[in-house]
Amino acid sequence: MGYIMNYIQGIDPTAMTLPLIVYVIWGGTLLVILVVIVPLAVFLLHRTLTAAWSIRRYMADMLAGGVGIAENTSSIPALNDTIAVATDMVNTAKALEDHSGALGEVLAQRAARGTTS
């Protein structure tokens, strides 16, 4: 480290080792970077961050909607069970209707004959 410090202290600041045009080009390049590139990069990064926040907010809304849909459709398997039971009930009701129709005919015949047994 001491060698580097001795070397730097030994440099004559008045001695120009490069032509003036090189310093002008370097200065102009640094000025363009400072005035144009850095603000443009900050602007674009800000837009990217804003878009990321919007995406995050929309994803949170979509998650809430998806959870609501999942909660509202959780009873669909129970509806399938209900449909199966209702189908059995319809078949039983038809069988009861058929039997009650036969029973009604027997009672009507007995009533027409005037017998009760």
C-alpha atoms as a PDB file:
ATOM      1  CA  MET A   1       0.000   0.000   0.000  1.00  0.00           C
ATOM      2  CA  GLY A   2       2.876   2.336   0.806  1.00  0.00           C
ATOM      3  CA  TYR A   3       4.288   1.884  -2.696  1.00  0.00           C
ATOM      4  CA  ILE A   4       1.025   3.073  -4.276  1.00  0.00           C
ATOM      5  CA  MET A   5       0.790   6.080  -1.957  1.00  0.00           C
ATOM      6  CA  ASN A   6       4.390   7.078  -2.755  1.00  0.00           C
ATOM      7  CA  TYR A   7       3.672   6.759  -6.476  1.00  0.00           C
ATOM      8  CA  ILE A   8       0.533   8.923  -6.243  1.00  0.00           C
ATOM      9  CA  GLN A   9       2.336  11.587  -4.214  1.00  0.00           C
ATOM     10  CA  GLY A  10       5.098  11.655  -6.801  1.00  0.00           C
ATOM     11  CA  ILE A  11       2.755  12.588  -9.656  1.00  0.00           C
ATOM     12  CA  ASP A  12       3.050  16.178 -10.812  1.00  0.00           C
ATOM     13  CA  PRO A  13      -0.518  17.547 -11.160  1.00  0.00           C
ATOM     14  CA  THR A  14       0.607  20.166 -13.649  1.00  0.00           C
ATOM     15  CA  ALA A  15       1.987  17.581 -16.074  1.00  0.00           C
ATOM     16  CA  MET A  16      -0.552  16.531 -18.690  1.00  0.00           C
ATOM     17  CA  THR A  17       0.260  13.048 -19.901  1.00  0.00           C
ATOM     18  CA  LEU A  18      -2.661  12.962 -22.364  1.00  0.00           C
ATOM     19  CA  PRO A  19      -3.761  15.520 -24.969  1.00  0.00           C
ATOM     20  CA  LEU A  20      -6.445  18.012 -23.983  1.00  0.00           C
ATOM     21  CA  ILE A  21      -9.005  16.444 -26.353  1.00  0.00           C
ATOM     22  CA  VAL A  22      -8.933  13.233 -24.295  1.00  0.00           C
ATOM     23  CA  TYR A  23      -9.852  15.162 -21.151  1.00  0.00           C
ATOM     24  CA  VAL A  24     -12.609  17.001 -23.040  1.00  0.00           C
ATOM     25  CA  ILE A  25     -14.048  13.734 -24.344  1.00  0.00           C
ATOM     26  CA  TRP A  26     -13.929  12.172 -20.874  1.00  0.00           C
ATOM     27  CA  GLY A  27     -15.557  15.232 -19.326  1.00  0.00           C
ATOM     28  CA  GLY A  28     -18.271  15.315 -22.000  1.00  0.00           C
ATOM     29  CA  THR A  29     -18.945  11.610 -21.571  1.00  0.00           C
ATOM     30  CA  LEU A  30     -19.239  11.965 -17.803  1.00  0.00           C
ATOM     31  CA  LEU A  31     -21.523  14.961 -18.234  1.00  0.00           C
ATOM     32  CA  VAL A  32     -23.800  13.040 -20.628  1.00  0.00           C
ATOM     33  CA  ILE A  33     -23.901  10.102 -18.218  1.00  0.00           C
ATOM     34  CA  LEU A  34     -24.705  12.384 -15.308  1.00  0.00           C
ATOM     35  CA  VAL A  35     -27.312  14.497 -17.115  1.00  0.00           C
ATOM     36  CA  VAL A  36     -28.978  11.950 -19.447  1.00  0.00           C
ATOM     37  CA  ILE A  37     -28.255   8.341 -18.571  1.00  0.00           C
ATOM     38  CA  VAL A  38     -28.648   8.449 -14.772  1.00  0.00           C
ATOM     39  CA  PRO A  39     -32.018  10.304 -14.796  1.00  0.00           C
ATOM     40  CA  LEU A  40     -33.276   8.025 -17.589  1.00  0.00           C
ATOM     41  CA  ALA A  41     -32.246   4.934 -15.624  1.00  0.00           C
ATOM     42  CA  VAL A  42     -33.938   6.275 -12.478  1.00  0.00           C
ATOM     43  CA  PHE A  43     -37.119   7.041 -14.466  1.00  0.00           C
ATOM     44  CA  LEU A  44     -37.212   3.566 -16.025  1.00  0.00           C
ATOM     45  CA  LEU A  45     -36.529   1.866 -12.694  1.00  0.00           C
ATOM     46  CA  HIS A  46     -39.334   3.886 -11.112  1.00  0.00           C
ATOM     47  CA  ARG A  47     -41.731   2.791 -13.863  1.00  0.00           C
ATOM     48  CA  THR A  48     -40.669  -0.812 -13.352  1.00  0.00           C
ATOM     49  CA  LEU A  49     -41.200  -0.555  -9.599  1.00  0.00           C
ATOM     50  CA  THR A  50     -44.633   1.032 -10.095  1.00  0.00           C
ATOM     51  CA  ALA A  51     -45.620  -1.761 -12.482  1.00  0.00           C
ATOM     52  CA  ALA A  52     -44.394  -4.371  -9.999  1.00  0.00           C
ATOM     53  CA  TRP A  53     -46.497  -2.805  -7.240  1.00  0.00           C
ATOM     54  CA  SER A  54     -49.536  -2.826  -9.529  1.00  0.00           C
ATOM     55  CA  ILE A  55     -48.948  -6.473 -10.377  1.00  0.00           C
ATOM     56  CA  ARG A  56     -48.634  -7.280  -6.677  1.00  0.00           C
ATOM     57  CA  ARG A  57     -51.888  -5.466  -5.915  1.00  0.00           C
ATOM     58  CA  TYR A  58     -53.707  -7.229  -8.789  1.00  0.00           C
ATOM     59  CA  MET A  59     -52.345 -10.595  -7.651  1.00  0.00           C
ATOM     60  CA  ALA A  60     -53.666  -9.943  -4.131  1.00  0.00           C
ATOM     61  CA  ASP A  61     -57.099  -9.125  -5.604  1.00  0.00           C
ATOM     62  CA  MET A  62     -57.000 -12.269  -7.735  1.00  0.00           C
ATOM     63  CA  LEU A  63     -56.051 -14.348  -4.703  1.00  0.00           C
ATOM     64  CA  ALA A  64     -58.969 -12.956  -2.719  1.00  0.00           C
ATOM     65  CA  GLY A  65     -61.324 -13.682  -5.626  1.00  0.00           C
ATOM     66  CA  GLY A  66     -59.959 -17.201  -6.039  1.00  0.00           C
ATOM     67  CA  VAL A  67     -60.397 -17.938  -2.346  1.00  0.00           C
ATOM     68  CA  GLY A  68     -63.978 -16.662  -2.549  1.00  0.00           C
ATOM     69  CA  ILE A  69     -64.700 -18.865  -5.567  1.00  0.00           C
ATOM     70  CA  ALA A  70     -63.171 -21.868  -3.810  1.00  0.00           C
ATOM     71  CA  GLU A  71     -65.287 -21.236  -0.709  1.00  0.00           C
ATOM     72  CA  ASN A  72     -68.473 -20.811  -2.755  1.00  0.00           C
ATOM     73  CA  THR A  73     -67.896 -23.956  -4.812  1.00  0.00           C
ATOM     74  CA  SER A  74     -66.853 -26.195  -1.927  1.00  0.00           C
ATOM     75  CA  SER A  75     -70.430 -27.514  -1.628  1.00  0.00           C
ATOM     76  CA  ILE A  76     -70.520 -28.984  -5.164  1.00  0.00           C
ATOM     77  CA  PRO A  77     -69.619 -32.510  -3.982  1.00  0.00           C
ATOM     78  CA  ALA A  78     -72.465 -32.274  -1.475  1.00  0.00           C
ATOM     79  CA  LEU A  79     -74.791 -31.299  -4.338  1.00  0.00           C
ATOM     80  CA  ASN A  80     -73.735 -34.444  -6.210  1.00  0.00           C
ATOM     81  CA  ASP A  81     -74.691 -36.487  -3.137  1.00  0.00           C
ATOM     82  CA  THR A  82     -78.014 -34.633  -2.965  1.00  0.00           C
ATOM     83  CA  ILE A  83     -78.734 -35.426  -6.609  1.00  0.00           C
ATOM     84  CA  ALA A  84     -78.014 -39.107  -5.999  1.00  0.00           C
ATOM     85  CA  VAL A  85     -80.358 -39.186  -2.976  1.00  0.00           C
ATOM     86  CA  ALA A  86     -83.038 -37.240  -4.863  1.00  0.00           C
ATOM     87  CA  THR A  87     -82.886 -39.770  -7.720  1.00  0.00           C
ATOM     88  CA  ASP A  88     -83.486 -42.572  -5.226  1.00  0.00           C
ATOM     89  CA  MET A  89     -86.349 -40.570  -3.690  1.00  0.00           C
ATOM     90  CA  VAL A  90     -87.976 -40.110  -7.108  1.00  0.00           C
ATOM     91  CA  ASN A  91     -87.781 -43.847  -7.761  1.00  0.00           C
ATOM     92  CA  THR A  92     -89.253 -44.565  -4.312  1.00  0.00           C
ATOM     93  CA  ALA A  93     -92.030 -42.024  -4.886  1.00  0.00           C
ATOM     94  CA  LYS A  94     -92.912 -43.710  -8.208  1.00  0.00           C
ATOM     95  CA  ALA A  95     -93.021 -47.094  -6.486  1.00  0.00           C
ATOM     96  CA  LEU A  96     -95.261 -45.655  -3.751  1.00  0.00           C
ATOM     97  CA  GLU A  97     -97.525 -44.099  -6.367  1.00  0.00           C
ATOM     98  CA  ASP A  98     -97.828 -47.432  -8.165  1.00  0.00           C
ATOM     99  CA  HIS A  99     -98.612 -49.279  -4.917  1.00  0.00           C
ATOM    100  CA  SER A 100    -101.047 -46.641  -3.726  1.00  0.00           C
ATOM    101  CA  GLY A 101    -102.788 -46.812  -7.102  1.00  0.00           C
ATOM    102  CA  ALA A 102    -103.177 -50.575  -6.724  1.00  0.00           C
ATOM    103  CA  LEU A 103    -104.380 -50.110  -3.144  1.00  0.00           C
ATOM    104  CA  GLY A 104    -106.850 -47.493  -4.318  1.00  0.00           C
ATOM    105  CA  GLU A 105    -108.270 -49.879  -6.921  1.00  0.00           C
ATOM    106  CA  VAL A 106    -108.719 -52.642  -4.341  1.00  0.00           C
ATOM    107  CA  LEU A 107    -110.468 -50.248  -1.954  1.00  0.00           C
ATOM    108  CA  ALA A 108    -112.662 -48.932  -4.770  1.00  0.00           C
ATOM    109  CA  GLN A 109    -113.681 -52.469  -5.706  1.00  0.00           C
ATOM    110  CA  ARG A 110    -114.484 -53.289  -2.091  1.00  0.00           C
ATOM    111  CA  ALA A 111    -116.476 -50.123  -1.722  1.00  0.00           C
ATOM    112  CA  ALA A 112    -118.442 -50.949  -4.852  1.00  0.00           C
ATOM    113  CA  ARG A 113    -119.253 -54.401  -3.469  1.00  0.00           C
ATOM    114  CA  GLY A 114    -120.102 -52.984  -0.109  1.00  0.00           C
ATOM    115  CA  THR A 115    -117.653 -55.062   1.872  1.00  0.00           C
ATOM    116  CA  THR A 116    -115.131 -53.781   4.370  1.00  0.00           C
ATOM    117  CA  SER A 117    -113.004 -56.880   4.847  1.00  0.00           C
END
